[in-house]
N, C-alpha and C. Protein backbone atom coordinates (compact mmCIF):
# COMPACT_ATOMS: atom_id res chain seq x y z
N UNK A 1 0.81 -1.22 0.00
CA UNK A 1 0.00 0.00 0.00
C UNK A 1 0.84 1.28 0.00
N UNK A 2 1.91 1.39 0.81
CA UNK A 2 2.67 2.65 0.81
C UNK A 2 3.28 2.99 -0.56
N UNK A 3 3.77 1.98 -1.31
CA UNK A 3 4.34 2.27 -2.61
C UNK A 3 3.28 2.79 -3.57
N UNK A 4 2.08 2.22 -3.50
CA UNK A 4 0.99 2.71 -4.34
C UNK A 4 0.62 4.14 -3.97
N UNK A 5 0.63 4.41 -2.68
CA UNK A 5 0.30 5.76 -2.22
C UNK A 5 1.37 6.75 -2.67
N UNK A 6 2.63 6.36 -2.58
CA UNK A 6 3.72 7.23 -3.02
C UNK A 6 3.59 7.53 -4.51
N UNK A 7 3.32 6.50 -5.30
CA UNK A 7 3.15 6.71 -6.74
C UNK A 7 1.96 7.62 -7.02
N UNK A 8 0.88 7.43 -6.27
CA UNK A 8 -0.31 8.27 -6.45
C UNK A 8 0.02 9.73 -6.14
N UNK A 9 0.79 9.96 -5.09
CA UNK A 9 1.17 11.32 -4.71
C UNK A 9 2.01 11.97 -5.81
N UNK A 10 3.02 11.25 -6.29
CA UNK A 10 3.92 11.79 -7.33
C UNK A 10 3.12 12.12 -8.59
N UNK A 11 2.26 11.21 -9.01
CA UNK A 11 1.48 11.42 -10.23
C UNK A 11 0.49 12.57 -10.05
N UNK A 12 -0.13 12.64 -8.89
CA UNK A 12 -1.09 13.73 -8.63
C UNK A 12 -0.40 15.09 -8.67
N UNK A 13 0.75 15.20 -8.00
CA UNK A 13 1.47 16.47 -8.01
C UNK A 13 1.93 16.84 -9.42
N UNK A 14 2.38 15.84 -10.19
CA UNK A 14 2.85 16.11 -11.55
C UNK A 14 1.70 16.56 -12.46
N UNK A 15 0.59 15.84 -12.41
CA UNK A 15 -0.53 16.17 -13.30
C UNK A 15 -1.16 17.51 -13.01
N UNK A 16 -1.16 17.90 -11.74
CA UNK A 16 -1.72 19.19 -11.37
C UNK A 16 -0.71 20.33 -11.50
N UNK A 17 0.54 20.01 -11.80
CA UNK A 17 1.55 21.03 -12.03
C UNK A 17 2.22 21.56 -10.79
N UNK A 18 2.23 20.77 -9.72
CA UNK A 18 2.88 21.20 -8.48
C UNK A 18 4.34 20.74 -8.48
N UNK A 19 5.16 21.49 -9.23
CA UNK A 19 6.58 21.18 -9.37
C UNK A 19 7.35 22.45 -9.03
N UNK A 20 8.34 22.31 -8.16
CA UNK A 20 9.17 23.46 -7.82
C UNK A 20 8.49 24.44 -6.89
N UNK A 21 8.24 25.66 -7.37
CA UNK A 21 7.73 26.72 -6.49
C UNK A 21 6.24 26.62 -6.20
N UNK A 22 5.45 25.95 -7.02
CA UNK A 22 4.01 25.85 -6.82
C UNK A 22 3.71 24.74 -5.82
N UNK A 23 2.96 25.06 -4.76
CA UNK A 23 2.77 24.14 -3.64
C UNK A 23 1.30 23.78 -3.46
N UNK A 24 1.04 22.51 -3.11
CA UNK A 24 -0.30 22.01 -2.82
C UNK A 24 -0.45 21.81 -1.32
N UNK A 25 -1.48 22.40 -0.74
CA UNK A 25 -1.73 22.26 0.69
C UNK A 25 -2.16 20.83 1.02
N UNK A 26 -1.80 20.37 2.20
CA UNK A 26 -2.11 18.99 2.61
C UNK A 26 -3.61 18.70 2.56
N UNK A 27 -4.41 19.66 2.96
CA UNK A 27 -5.87 19.47 2.98
C UNK A 27 -6.47 19.34 1.59
N UNK A 28 -5.76 19.77 0.56
CA UNK A 28 -6.28 19.74 -0.81
C UNK A 28 -5.94 18.46 -1.57
N UNK A 29 -5.33 17.49 -0.92
CA UNK A 29 -5.03 16.23 -1.61
C UNK A 29 -6.29 15.43 -1.91
N UNK A 30 -7.35 15.67 -1.17
CA UNK A 30 -8.61 14.98 -1.43
C UNK A 30 -8.92 13.96 -0.36
N UNK A 31 -10.05 13.30 -0.54
CA UNK A 31 -10.53 12.34 0.44
C UNK A 31 -10.34 10.90 -0.01
N UNK A 32 -9.57 10.68 -1.06
CA UNK A 32 -9.41 9.35 -1.63
C UNK A 32 -8.60 8.43 -0.72
N UNK A 33 -7.64 8.99 0.00
CA UNK A 33 -6.72 8.20 0.83
C UNK A 33 -6.81 8.68 2.27
N UNK A 34 -6.62 7.74 3.21
CA UNK A 34 -6.61 8.07 4.63
C UNK A 34 -5.50 9.08 4.92
N UNK A 35 -5.81 10.08 5.72
CA UNK A 35 -4.87 11.17 5.99
C UNK A 35 -3.60 10.70 6.69
N UNK A 36 -3.71 9.72 7.58
CA UNK A 36 -2.51 9.23 8.28
C UNK A 36 -1.57 8.52 7.33
N UNK A 37 -2.12 7.71 6.44
CA UNK A 37 -1.31 7.00 5.44
C UNK A 37 -0.68 8.01 4.49
N UNK A 38 -1.45 9.00 4.10
CA UNK A 38 -0.96 10.04 3.19
C UNK A 38 0.19 10.82 3.82
N UNK A 39 0.05 11.20 5.08
CA UNK A 39 1.09 11.95 5.76
C UNK A 39 2.37 11.12 5.92
N UNK A 40 2.21 9.83 6.23
CA UNK A 40 3.38 8.95 6.36
C UNK A 40 4.11 8.82 5.02
N UNK A 41 3.37 8.65 3.93
CA UNK A 41 3.98 8.54 2.61
C UNK A 41 4.67 9.84 2.21
N UNK A 42 4.05 10.98 2.53
CA UNK A 42 4.67 12.27 2.22
C UNK A 42 5.97 12.47 2.99
N UNK A 43 6.01 12.03 4.25
CA UNK A 43 7.24 12.15 5.03
C UNK A 43 8.35 11.28 4.45
N UNK A 44 7.99 10.07 3.98
CA UNK A 44 8.99 9.20 3.35
C UNK A 44 9.52 9.81 2.06
N UNK A 45 8.63 10.37 1.25
CA UNK A 45 9.06 11.02 0.01
C UNK A 45 9.91 12.26 0.30
N UNK A 46 9.59 12.95 1.39
CA UNK A 46 10.39 14.12 1.77
C UNK A 46 11.80 13.70 2.20
N UNK A 47 11.90 12.60 2.91
CA UNK A 47 13.22 12.13 3.34
C UNK A 47 14.06 11.64 2.16
N UNK A 48 13.39 11.23 1.07
CA UNK A 48 14.10 10.79 -0.15
C UNK A 48 14.36 11.96 -1.10
N UNK A 49 14.00 13.18 -0.71
CA UNK A 49 14.16 14.40 -1.51
C UNK A 49 13.35 14.38 -2.81
N UNK A 50 12.27 13.65 -2.84
CA UNK A 50 11.39 13.65 -4.00
C UNK A 50 10.38 14.78 -3.87
N UNK A 51 9.96 15.06 -2.64
CA UNK A 51 8.94 16.08 -2.38
C UNK A 51 9.54 17.16 -1.49
N UNK A 52 9.17 18.41 -1.77
CA UNK A 52 9.56 19.55 -0.95
C UNK A 52 8.41 19.88 -0.01
N UNK A 53 8.71 20.17 1.25
CA UNK A 53 7.68 20.56 2.21
C UNK A 53 7.97 21.98 2.70
N UNK A 54 6.92 22.80 2.70
CA UNK A 54 7.02 24.16 3.22
C UNK A 54 5.92 24.35 4.27
N UNK A 55 6.09 25.27 5.19
CA UNK A 55 5.04 25.51 6.20
C UNK A 55 3.78 26.10 5.56
N UNK A 56 2.66 25.85 6.22
CA UNK A 56 1.37 26.34 5.73
C UNK A 56 0.64 27.09 6.84
N UNK A 57 -0.02 28.17 6.48
CA UNK A 57 -0.80 28.91 7.46
C UNK A 57 -2.18 28.28 7.64
N UNK A 58 -2.69 27.62 6.60
CA UNK A 58 -4.04 27.07 6.64
C UNK A 58 -4.09 25.76 7.41
N UNK A 59 -3.18 24.83 7.13
CA UNK A 59 -3.16 23.57 7.85
C UNK A 59 -1.79 23.38 8.48
N UNK A 60 -1.73 22.69 9.57
CA UNK A 60 -0.47 22.49 10.27
C UNK A 60 0.43 21.46 9.63
N UNK A 61 -0.09 20.74 8.65
CA UNK A 61 0.67 19.65 8.02
C UNK A 61 1.68 20.16 7.00
N UNK A 62 1.38 21.27 6.33
CA UNK A 62 2.31 21.84 5.37
C UNK A 62 1.79 21.84 3.95
N UNK A 63 2.63 22.39 3.05
CA UNK A 63 2.35 22.42 1.61
C UNK A 63 3.46 21.65 0.92
N UNK A 64 3.13 20.99 -0.18
CA UNK A 64 4.06 20.07 -0.82
C UNK A 64 4.13 20.30 -2.33
N UNK A 65 5.30 20.00 -2.91
CA UNK A 65 5.48 20.00 -4.36
C UNK A 65 6.62 19.05 -4.70
N UNK A 66 6.72 18.69 -5.98
CA UNK A 66 7.81 17.83 -6.42
C UNK A 66 9.10 18.64 -6.48
N UNK A 67 10.20 17.99 -6.09
CA UNK A 67 11.51 18.65 -6.09
C UNK A 67 12.08 18.58 -7.50
N UNK A 68 12.27 19.73 -8.12
CA UNK A 68 12.79 19.78 -9.48
C UNK A 68 14.25 19.36 -9.55
N UNK A 69 14.98 19.50 -8.45
CA UNK A 69 16.40 19.13 -8.43
C UNK A 69 16.60 17.62 -8.49
N UNK A 70 15.61 16.85 -8.02
CA UNK A 70 15.72 15.38 -8.04
C UNK A 70 14.72 14.79 -9.04
N UNK A 71 14.61 15.42 -10.20
CA UNK A 71 13.65 15.01 -11.22
C UNK A 71 13.88 13.57 -11.67
N UNK A 72 15.11 13.12 -11.71
CA UNK A 72 15.41 11.76 -12.17
C UNK A 72 14.76 10.69 -11.29
N UNK A 73 14.58 10.99 -10.02
CA UNK A 73 13.98 10.01 -9.10
C UNK A 73 12.50 9.78 -9.37
N UNK A 74 11.76 10.84 -9.64
CA UNK A 74 10.32 10.70 -9.80
C UNK A 74 9.86 10.67 -11.25
N UNK A 75 10.73 10.99 -12.18
CA UNK A 75 10.34 11.03 -13.58
C UNK A 75 9.98 9.64 -14.12
N UNK A 76 10.68 8.62 -13.67
CA UNK A 76 10.40 7.25 -14.12
C UNK A 76 9.00 6.82 -13.71
N UNK A 77 8.58 7.16 -12.50
CA UNK A 77 7.24 6.82 -12.03
C UNK A 77 6.18 7.48 -12.91
N UNK A 78 6.39 8.73 -13.24
CA UNK A 78 5.43 9.45 -14.08
C UNK A 78 5.38 8.86 -15.47
N UNK A 79 6.53 8.57 -16.05
CA UNK A 79 6.56 8.03 -17.41
C UNK A 79 5.93 6.65 -17.48
N UNK A 80 6.15 5.82 -16.47
CA UNK A 80 5.51 4.49 -16.45
C UNK A 80 3.99 4.63 -16.39
N UNK A 81 3.51 5.59 -15.63
CA UNK A 81 2.08 5.82 -15.51
C UNK A 81 1.49 6.28 -16.84
N UNK A 82 2.20 7.14 -17.54
CA UNK A 82 1.71 7.63 -18.82
C UNK A 82 1.68 6.50 -19.84
N UNK A 83 2.66 5.62 -19.81
CA UNK A 83 2.68 4.48 -20.74
C UNK A 83 1.51 3.53 -20.49
N UNK A 84 1.15 3.35 -19.21
CA UNK A 84 0.02 2.48 -18.87
C UNK A 84 -1.30 3.09 -19.29
N UNK A 85 -1.32 4.39 -19.45
CA UNK A 85 -2.54 5.07 -19.85
C UNK A 85 -3.48 5.37 -18.70
N UNK A 86 -2.92 5.50 -17.50
CA UNK A 86 -3.77 5.78 -16.33
C UNK A 86 -4.07 7.26 -16.23
């Protein structure tokens, strides 16, 4: 489950254009996934430098975007998803 959640996060951020300076608030990820699982996956991605976390005034969890400096790490996940046609 965590790997699927991580892939879902990466693909969601990429498709919505949250790369580099543009940030998505934690509360705006949606209701599709449990918040605890989502937060755990985001922390793992942050420790791997795939996702950038910044403080948020609206929610205490933070705002997130894909790290453009480590594009090679998450680009393969996005390309595989596009090939599958999801």
